[in-house]
Amino acid sequence: MTGVDISAAAIDIAARNAALNQVSERCEFLTANAFDLLREYSDAGRLYDTVILDPPAFTKSRSSVDSAARGYKEINLRGLKMIRPGGFLVTCSCSFHMNRDLFHSIVAEAAADARRTVREVAYLSQAKDHPSLPAAPETNYLKFLVLEVQ
């Protein structure tokens, strides 16, 4: 398992958590820009059974949705290229302005560009500890998509 975050503090917490759970020998943690590392690893032909993409919100406003869409497409394209046939992509978005249909569309475009066939296994939203309030649509912001990749 390789965990990547641009925050050294987050990597330190992850490494300490792995040690507390006695799984350190199976874990590698890297402080890196995920965009750069995904490009490097996909260009090098590295393959994984599962790739999990859980970036921070790429957009906080409607005006930056196009830019965010490009970012989501890039990380999903790179992630898809790194999955062995029969493996899984788990991809997430916590950007409210990146609605479910747009997120699905971006991931589908990334799969087409990567020349990978995907099958949706699950689409989930936030857990009960992140309540979604009907009177406040912005509270329904988490998207979690699990895809089988061929």
N, C-alpha and C. Protein backbone atom coordinates (compact mmCIF):
# COMPACT_ATOMS: atom_id res chain seq x y z
N MET A 1 0.84 -1.16 0.00
CA MET A 1 0.00 0.00 0.00
C MET A 1 0.89 1.23 0.00
N THR A 2 0.60 2.13 -0.91
CA THR A 2 1.32 3.39 -0.99
C THR A 2 0.34 4.52 -0.74
N GLY A 3 0.60 5.33 0.25
CA GLY A 3 -0.22 6.50 0.56
C GLY A 3 0.53 7.75 0.18
N VAL A 4 -0.16 8.68 -0.46
CA VAL A 4 0.48 9.91 -0.96
C VAL A 4 -0.33 11.11 -0.48
N ASP A 5 0.37 12.12 -0.01
CA ASP A 5 -0.27 13.39 0.33
C ASP A 5 0.79 14.47 0.20
N ILE A 6 0.35 15.66 -0.17
CA ILE A 6 1.28 16.78 -0.28
C ILE A 6 1.67 17.32 1.09
N SER A 7 0.87 16.98 2.10
CA SER A 7 1.11 17.45 3.46
C SER A 7 1.99 16.47 4.23
N ALA A 8 3.16 16.95 4.65
CA ALA A 8 4.05 16.10 5.45
C ALA A 8 3.39 15.73 6.77
N ALA A 9 2.60 16.63 7.33
CA ALA A 9 1.92 16.34 8.59
C ALA A 9 0.91 15.20 8.41
N ALA A 10 0.19 15.20 7.30
CA ALA A 10 -0.77 14.12 7.03
C ALA A 10 -0.04 12.79 6.85
N ILE A 11 1.09 12.81 6.19
CA ILE A 11 1.87 11.59 5.99
C ILE A 11 2.39 11.07 7.32
N ASP A 12 2.83 11.97 8.19
CA ASP A 12 3.31 11.58 9.51
C ASP A 12 2.19 10.91 10.30
N ILE A 13 0.99 11.47 10.27
CA ILE A 13 -0.16 10.89 10.97
C ILE A 13 -0.49 9.51 10.40
N ALA A 14 -0.47 9.39 9.07
CA ALA A 14 -0.76 8.09 8.44
C ALA A 14 0.27 7.04 8.85
N ALA A 15 1.54 7.42 8.87
CA ALA A 15 2.60 6.47 9.26
C ALA A 15 2.45 6.05 10.72
N ARG A 16 2.13 7.01 11.59
CA ARG A 16 1.92 6.67 13.00
C ARG A 16 0.71 5.75 13.16
N ASN A 17 -0.34 6.01 12.40
CA ASN A 17 -1.53 5.17 12.46
C ASN A 17 -1.22 3.75 11.98
N ALA A 18 -0.44 3.63 10.91
CA ALA A 18 -0.04 2.30 10.42
C ALA A 18 0.75 1.56 11.50
N ALA A 19 1.63 2.28 12.18
CA ALA A 19 2.42 1.65 13.26
C ALA A 19 1.51 1.20 14.40
N LEU A 20 0.56 2.04 14.78
CA LEU A 20 -0.37 1.67 15.85
C LEU A 20 -1.19 0.43 15.49
N ASN A 21 -1.46 0.26 14.21
CA ASN A 21 -2.24 -0.88 13.75
C ASN A 21 -1.36 -2.05 13.31
N GLN A 22 -0.08 -1.92 13.54
CA GLN A 22 0.91 -2.97 13.25
C GLN A 22 0.88 -3.42 11.78
N VAL A 23 0.78 -2.45 10.87
CA VAL A 23 0.79 -2.76 9.43
C VAL A 23 1.88 -1.95 8.71
N SER A 24 2.80 -1.36 9.45
CA SER A 24 3.83 -0.51 8.85
C SER A 24 4.63 -1.22 7.76
N GLU A 25 4.89 -2.52 7.96
CA GLU A 25 5.71 -3.25 6.99
C GLU A 25 5.02 -3.39 5.64
N ARG A 26 3.72 -3.18 5.58
CA ARG A 26 2.98 -3.27 4.32
C ARG A 26 2.65 -1.91 3.74
N CYS A 27 3.13 -0.85 4.38
CA CYS A 27 2.75 0.51 3.98
C CYS A 27 3.97 1.34 3.61
N GLU A 28 3.76 2.17 2.62
CA GLU A 28 4.76 3.15 2.20
C GLU A 28 4.01 4.48 2.11
N PHE A 29 4.60 5.53 2.67
CA PHE A 29 3.97 6.84 2.64
C PHE A 29 4.91 7.85 2.00
N LEU A 30 4.39 8.62 1.08
CA LEU A 30 5.20 9.59 0.34
C LEU A 30 4.59 10.98 0.45
N THR A 31 5.41 11.95 0.74
CA THR A 31 4.99 13.35 0.68
C THR A 31 5.29 13.81 -0.74
N ALA A 32 4.23 14.04 -1.52
CA ALA A 32 4.42 14.41 -2.93
C ALA A 32 3.15 15.05 -3.47
N ASN A 33 3.30 15.76 -4.56
CA ASN A 33 2.17 16.28 -5.30
C ASN A 33 1.58 15.10 -6.08
N ALA A 34 0.34 14.75 -5.79
CA ALA A 34 -0.27 13.56 -6.40
C ALA A 34 -0.34 13.67 -7.92
N PHE A 35 -0.58 14.86 -8.46
CA PHE A 35 -0.62 15.02 -9.92
C PHE A 35 0.71 14.60 -10.53
N ASP A 36 1.82 15.09 -9.96
CA ASP A 36 3.15 14.76 -10.48
C ASP A 36 3.45 13.28 -10.31
N LEU A 37 3.14 12.74 -9.14
CA LEU A 37 3.45 11.34 -8.87
C LEU A 37 2.62 10.40 -9.74
N LEU A 38 1.33 10.71 -9.92
CA LEU A 38 0.49 9.88 -10.80
C LEU A 38 1.04 9.87 -12.22
N ARG A 39 1.46 11.03 -12.70
CA ARG A 39 2.05 11.10 -14.05
C ARG A 39 3.32 10.27 -14.13
N GLU A 40 4.19 10.44 -13.14
CA GLU A 40 5.45 9.69 -13.11
C GLU A 40 5.19 8.18 -13.07
N TYR A 41 4.31 7.74 -12.18
CA TYR A 41 4.03 6.32 -12.03
C TYR A 41 3.32 5.74 -13.25
N SER A 42 2.37 6.47 -13.82
CA SER A 42 1.66 5.94 -14.99
C SER A 42 2.60 5.89 -16.19
N ASP A 43 3.44 6.92 -16.35
CA ASP A 43 4.42 6.91 -17.45
C ASP A 43 5.42 5.77 -17.30
N ALA A 44 5.73 5.40 -16.06
CA ALA A 44 6.67 4.31 -15.80
C ALA A 44 6.02 2.93 -15.93
N GLY A 45 4.68 2.91 -16.10
CA GLY A 45 3.98 1.64 -16.26
C GLY A 45 3.71 0.90 -14.96
N ARG A 46 3.76 1.60 -13.85
CA ARG A 46 3.46 0.95 -12.56
C ARG A 46 2.00 0.54 -12.54
N LEU A 47 1.73 -0.66 -12.02
CA LEU A 47 0.37 -1.19 -11.98
C LEU A 47 -0.02 -1.58 -10.56
N TYR A 48 -1.31 -1.37 -10.27
CA TYR A 48 -1.87 -1.68 -8.96
C TYR A 48 -3.19 -2.41 -9.14
N ASP A 49 -3.59 -3.13 -8.11
CA ASP A 49 -4.90 -3.77 -8.11
C ASP A 49 -6.00 -2.76 -7.81
N THR A 50 -5.69 -1.77 -6.99
CA THR A 50 -6.66 -0.74 -6.61
C THR A 50 -5.95 0.60 -6.51
N VAL A 51 -6.60 1.61 -7.05
CA VAL A 51 -6.12 2.99 -6.90
C VAL A 51 -7.27 3.78 -6.28
N ILE A 52 -6.97 4.48 -5.20
CA ILE A 52 -7.96 5.31 -4.51
C ILE A 52 -7.56 6.77 -4.67
N LEU A 53 -8.45 7.55 -5.23
CA LEU A 53 -8.21 8.98 -5.44
C LEU A 53 -9.18 9.76 -4.56
N ASP A 54 -8.66 10.47 -3.59
CA ASP A 54 -9.49 11.24 -2.66
C ASP A 54 -8.87 12.62 -2.48
N PRO A 55 -8.97 13.44 -3.54
CA PRO A 55 -8.34 14.76 -3.48
C PRO A 55 -9.15 15.75 -2.64
N PRO A 56 -8.52 16.87 -2.27
CA PRO A 56 -9.29 17.93 -1.64
C PRO A 56 -10.24 18.53 -2.68
N ALA A 57 -11.15 19.38 -2.24
CA ALA A 57 -12.08 20.03 -3.17
C ALA A 57 -11.28 20.82 -4.21
N PHE A 58 -11.56 20.55 -5.47
CA PHE A 58 -10.89 21.28 -6.55
C PHE A 58 -11.60 22.58 -6.89
N THR A 59 -12.82 22.75 -6.42
CA THR A 59 -13.54 23.99 -6.67
C THR A 59 -14.40 24.34 -5.47
N LYS A 60 -14.41 25.61 -5.17
CA LYS A 60 -15.26 26.12 -4.09
C LYS A 60 -16.33 27.06 -4.65
N SER A 61 -16.32 27.25 -5.99
CA SER A 61 -17.30 28.15 -6.61
C SER A 61 -17.66 27.65 -8.01
N ARG A 62 -18.79 28.10 -8.50
CA ARG A 62 -19.22 27.73 -9.86
C ARG A 62 -18.24 28.21 -10.92
N SER A 63 -17.61 29.33 -10.67
CA SER A 63 -16.73 29.92 -11.68
C SER A 63 -15.48 29.07 -11.97
N SER A 64 -15.12 28.18 -11.07
CA SER A 64 -13.92 27.37 -11.29
C SER A 64 -14.23 25.90 -11.59
N VAL A 65 -15.47 25.60 -11.94
CA VAL A 65 -15.85 24.21 -12.22
C VAL A 65 -15.08 23.66 -13.43
N ASP A 66 -14.91 24.46 -14.49
CA ASP A 66 -14.19 23.96 -15.67
C ASP A 66 -12.75 23.57 -15.33
N SER A 67 -12.10 24.39 -14.55
CA SER A 67 -10.73 24.09 -14.13
C SER A 67 -10.71 22.83 -13.25
N ALA A 68 -11.66 22.74 -12.35
CA ALA A 68 -11.75 21.57 -11.48
C ALA A 68 -12.00 20.31 -12.30
N ALA A 69 -12.86 20.41 -13.30
CA ALA A 69 -13.16 19.26 -14.16
C ALA A 69 -11.89 18.75 -14.83
N ARG A 70 -11.05 19.66 -15.28
CA ARG A 70 -9.78 19.24 -15.89
C ARG A 70 -8.90 18.50 -14.88
N GLY A 71 -8.87 18.99 -13.64
CA GLY A 71 -8.09 18.33 -12.59
C GLY A 71 -8.62 16.94 -12.28
N TYR A 72 -9.94 16.82 -12.13
CA TYR A 72 -10.54 15.51 -11.87
C TYR A 72 -10.29 14.55 -13.03
N LYS A 73 -10.39 15.05 -14.25
CA LYS A 73 -10.16 14.17 -15.40
C LYS A 73 -8.71 13.69 -15.42
N GLU A 74 -7.78 14.59 -15.16
CA GLU A 74 -6.36 14.22 -15.18
C GLU A 74 -6.03 13.15 -14.15
N ILE A 75 -6.46 13.33 -12.90
CA ILE A 75 -6.10 12.33 -11.89
C ILE A 75 -6.79 11.00 -12.16
N ASN A 76 -8.02 11.04 -12.67
CA ASN A 76 -8.71 9.79 -12.97
C ASN A 76 -8.09 9.09 -14.18
N LEU A 77 -7.71 9.85 -15.18
CA LEU A 77 -7.03 9.27 -16.35
C LEU A 77 -5.75 8.56 -15.91
N ARG A 78 -4.94 9.24 -15.13
CA ARG A 78 -3.69 8.65 -14.66
C ARG A 78 -3.95 7.43 -13.77
N GLY A 79 -4.91 7.56 -12.87
CA GLY A 79 -5.24 6.43 -12.00
C GLY A 79 -5.71 5.22 -12.78
N LEU A 80 -6.57 5.45 -13.77
CA LEU A 80 -7.09 4.35 -14.59
C LEU A 80 -5.98 3.63 -15.35
N LYS A 81 -4.99 4.36 -15.80
CA LYS A 81 -3.88 3.75 -16.54
C LYS A 81 -3.01 2.86 -15.65
N MET A 82 -3.13 3.00 -14.35
CA MET A 82 -2.28 2.27 -13.42
C MET A 82 -2.95 1.05 -12.81
N ILE A 83 -4.13 0.69 -13.30
CA ILE A 83 -4.88 -0.42 -12.70
C ILE A 83 -4.78 -1.66 -13.58
N ARG A 84 -4.42 -2.78 -12.95
CA ARG A 84 -4.40 -4.06 -13.66
C ARG A 84 -5.82 -4.42 -14.08
N PRO A 85 -5.98 -5.13 -15.21
CA PRO A 85 -7.33 -5.58 -15.60
C PRO A 85 -7.98 -6.37 -14.46
N GLY A 86 -9.24 -6.02 -14.18
CA GLY A 86 -9.96 -6.64 -13.08
C GLY A 86 -9.79 -5.92 -11.77
N GLY A 87 -8.96 -4.87 -11.78
CA GLY A 87 -8.74 -4.08 -10.57
C GLY A 87 -9.82 -3.03 -10.38
N PHE A 88 -9.60 -2.17 -9.42
CA PHE A 88 -10.62 -1.19 -9.05
C PHE A 88 -10.07 0.22 -8.93
N LEU A 89 -10.89 1.15 -9.38
CA LEU A 89 -10.64 2.57 -9.15
C LEU A 89 -11.70 3.04 -8.15
N VAL A 90 -11.24 3.64 -7.07
CA VAL A 90 -12.13 4.29 -6.12
C VAL A 90 -11.81 5.78 -6.24
N THR A 91 -12.79 6.55 -6.66
CA THR A 91 -12.55 7.97 -6.90
C THR A 91 -13.59 8.81 -6.19
N CYS A 92 -13.13 9.92 -5.66
CA CYS A 92 -13.98 10.74 -4.81
C CYS A 92 -13.93 12.21 -5.22
N SER A 93 -14.97 12.92 -4.86
CA SER A 93 -15.00 14.37 -4.99
C SER A 93 -15.77 14.94 -3.80
N CYS A 94 -15.20 15.96 -3.20
CA CYS A 94 -15.90 16.65 -2.12
C CYS A 94 -16.23 18.08 -2.53
N SER A 95 -16.28 18.32 -3.84
CA SER A 95 -16.62 19.64 -4.38
C SER A 95 -18.12 19.71 -4.62
N PHE A 96 -18.83 20.55 -3.90
CA PHE A 96 -20.27 20.67 -4.07
C PHE A 96 -20.64 21.03 -5.50
N HIS A 97 -19.90 21.93 -6.11
CA HIS A 97 -20.23 22.40 -7.46
C HIS A 97 -19.93 21.36 -8.54
N MET A 98 -19.25 20.30 -8.18
CA MET A 98 -19.02 19.18 -9.09
C MET A 98 -20.15 18.18 -8.82
N ASN A 99 -21.28 18.37 -9.51
CA ASN A 99 -22.43 17.52 -9.20
C ASN A 99 -22.21 16.08 -9.68
N ARG A 100 -23.08 15.22 -9.23
CA ARG A 100 -22.95 13.78 -9.49
C ARG A 100 -22.86 13.47 -10.99
N ASP A 101 -23.74 14.06 -11.79
CA ASP A 101 -23.74 13.77 -13.23
C ASP A 101 -22.45 14.25 -13.89
N LEU A 102 -21.99 15.42 -13.51
CA LEU A 102 -20.74 15.93 -14.08
C LEU A 102 -19.56 15.06 -13.66
N PHE A 103 -19.53 14.66 -12.41
CA PHE A 103 -18.45 13.79 -11.92
C PHE A 103 -18.44 12.47 -12.68
N HIS A 104 -19.62 11.85 -12.84
CA HIS A 104 -19.72 10.62 -13.63
C HIS A 104 -19.20 10.83 -15.06
N SER A 105 -19.61 11.91 -15.66
CA SER A 105 -19.21 12.22 -17.03
C SER A 105 -17.70 12.37 -17.16
N ILE A 106 -17.10 13.07 -16.22
CA ILE A 106 -15.64 13.27 -16.24
C ILE A 106 -14.91 11.95 -16.11
N VAL A 107 -15.36 11.10 -15.20
CA VAL A 107 -14.71 9.80 -15.01
C VAL A 107 -14.90 8.93 -16.25
N ALA A 108 -16.08 8.98 -16.87
CA ALA A 108 -16.32 8.22 -18.11
C ALA A 108 -15.41 8.71 -19.23
N GLU A 109 -15.22 10.02 -19.35
CA GLU A 109 -14.31 10.57 -20.36
C GLU A 109 -12.87 10.12 -20.09
N ALA A 110 -12.47 10.13 -18.84
CA ALA A 110 -11.13 9.68 -18.48
C ALA A 110 -10.94 8.22 -18.85
N ALA A 111 -11.96 7.38 -18.59
CA ALA A 111 -11.87 5.96 -18.95
C ALA A 111 -11.75 5.79 -20.46
N ALA A 112 -12.52 6.55 -21.22
CA ALA A 112 -12.44 6.47 -22.69
C ALA A 112 -11.06 6.89 -23.17
N ASP A 113 -10.53 7.99 -22.62
CA ASP A 113 -9.20 8.45 -23.02
C ASP A 113 -8.11 7.47 -22.63
N ALA A 114 -8.31 6.77 -21.52
CA ALA A 114 -7.33 5.77 -21.07
C ALA A 114 -7.52 4.43 -21.79
N ARG A 115 -8.57 4.37 -22.62
CA ARG A 115 -8.92 3.14 -23.35
C ARG A 115 -9.18 1.99 -22.38
N ARG A 116 -9.94 2.30 -21.32
CA ARG A 116 -10.28 1.30 -20.32
C ARG A 116 -11.80 1.20 -20.24
N THR A 117 -12.28 -0.02 -20.12
CA THR A 117 -13.71 -0.26 -19.90
C THR A 117 -13.92 -0.34 -18.40
N VAL A 118 -14.92 0.39 -17.93
CA VAL A 118 -15.20 0.39 -16.49
C VAL A 118 -16.64 -0.04 -16.25
N ARG A 119 -16.83 -0.67 -15.10
CA ARG A 119 -18.16 -1.07 -14.65
C ARG A 119 -18.37 -0.49 -13.26
N GLU A 120 -19.47 0.26 -13.11
CA GLU A 120 -19.74 0.86 -11.81
C GLU A 120 -20.17 -0.21 -10.82
N VAL A 121 -19.44 -0.31 -9.74
CA VAL A 121 -19.74 -1.25 -8.67
C VAL A 121 -20.60 -0.58 -7.61
N ALA A 122 -20.28 0.68 -7.30
CA ALA A 122 -21.03 1.40 -6.28
C ALA A 122 -20.87 2.90 -6.47
N TYR A 123 -21.93 3.61 -6.15
CA TYR A 123 -21.88 5.07 -6.03
C TYR A 123 -22.44 5.39 -4.65
N LEU A 124 -21.65 6.10 -3.86
CA LEU A 124 -22.06 6.44 -2.50
C LEU A 124 -21.90 7.93 -2.27
N SER A 125 -22.57 8.39 -1.24
CA SER A 125 -22.43 9.77 -0.81
C SER A 125 -21.94 9.74 0.63
N GLN A 126 -22.06 10.85 1.30
CA GLN A 126 -21.48 10.92 2.63
C GLN A 126 -22.20 10.01 3.62
N ALA A 127 -21.45 9.64 4.63
CA ALA A 127 -21.98 8.80 5.70
C ALA A 127 -22.85 9.65 6.63
N LYS A 128 -23.47 8.99 7.57
CA LYS A 128 -24.41 9.66 8.47
C LYS A 128 -23.76 10.74 9.33
N ASP A 129 -22.44 10.67 9.49
CA ASP A 129 -21.78 11.71 10.29
C ASP A 129 -21.57 13.00 9.50
N HIS A 130 -21.95 13.01 8.22
CA HIS A 130 -21.97 14.21 7.37
C HIS A 130 -23.39 14.37 6.84
N PRO A 131 -24.33 14.82 7.68
CA PRO A 131 -25.73 14.84 7.26
C PRO A 131 -25.98 15.73 6.04
N SER A 132 -26.90 15.28 5.22
CA SER A 132 -27.35 16.04 4.06
C SER A 132 -28.70 16.65 4.42
N LEU A 133 -28.78 17.97 4.38
CA LEU A 133 -29.99 18.67 4.78
C LEU A 133 -30.77 19.12 3.55
N PRO A 134 -32.02 18.70 3.39
CA PRO A 134 -32.80 19.09 2.22
C PRO A 134 -32.87 20.61 2.00
N ALA A 135 -32.88 21.39 3.07
CA ALA A 135 -32.95 22.84 2.95
C ALA A 135 -31.61 23.48 2.59
N ALA A 136 -30.54 22.68 2.60
CA ALA A 136 -29.20 23.20 2.29
C ALA A 136 -28.50 22.24 1.33
N PRO A 137 -28.77 22.37 0.03
CA PRO A 137 -28.21 21.41 -0.94
C PRO A 137 -26.69 21.31 -0.91
N GLU A 138 -26.01 22.35 -0.46
CA GLU A 138 -24.55 22.31 -0.41
C GLU A 138 -24.03 21.29 0.59
N THR A 139 -24.91 20.78 1.46
CA THR A 139 -24.48 19.75 2.41
C THR A 139 -24.39 18.37 1.76
N ASN A 140 -24.90 18.23 0.55
CA ASN A 140 -24.80 16.97 -0.20
C ASN A 140 -23.67 17.12 -1.21
N TYR A 141 -22.45 17.02 -0.71
CA TYR A 141 -21.28 17.36 -1.53
C TYR A 141 -20.34 16.20 -1.80
N LEU A 142 -20.40 15.13 -1.02
CA LEU A 142 -19.45 14.04 -1.19
C LEU A 142 -19.93 13.04 -2.25
N LYS A 143 -19.01 12.67 -3.13
CA LYS A 143 -19.28 11.66 -4.15
C LYS A 143 -18.18 10.62 -4.05
N PHE A 144 -18.56 9.35 -4.10
CA PHE A 144 -17.63 8.22 -3.90
C PHE A 144 -18.02 7.16 -4.92
N LEU A 145 -17.17 6.93 -5.89
CA LEU A 145 -17.47 6.05 -7.00
C LEU A 145 -16.46 4.90 -7.03
N VAL A 146 -16.97 3.67 -7.06
CA VAL A 146 -16.14 2.48 -7.15
C VAL A 146 -16.36 1.85 -8.52
N LEU A 147 -15.27 1.68 -9.27
CA LEU A 147 -15.34 1.13 -10.62
C LEU A 147 -14.45 -0.09 -10.76
N GLU A 148 -14.95 -1.12 -11.42
CA GLU A 148 -14.10 -2.24 -11.83
C GLU A 148 -13.53 -1.86 -13.17
N VAL A 149 -12.25 -2.09 -13.36
CA VAL A 149 -11.55 -1.63 -14.57
C VAL A 149 -11.05 -2.82 -15.37
N GLN A 150 -11.36 -2.83 -16.65
CA GLN A 150 -10.88 -3.88 -17.57
C GLN A 150 -9.82 -3.34 -18.51
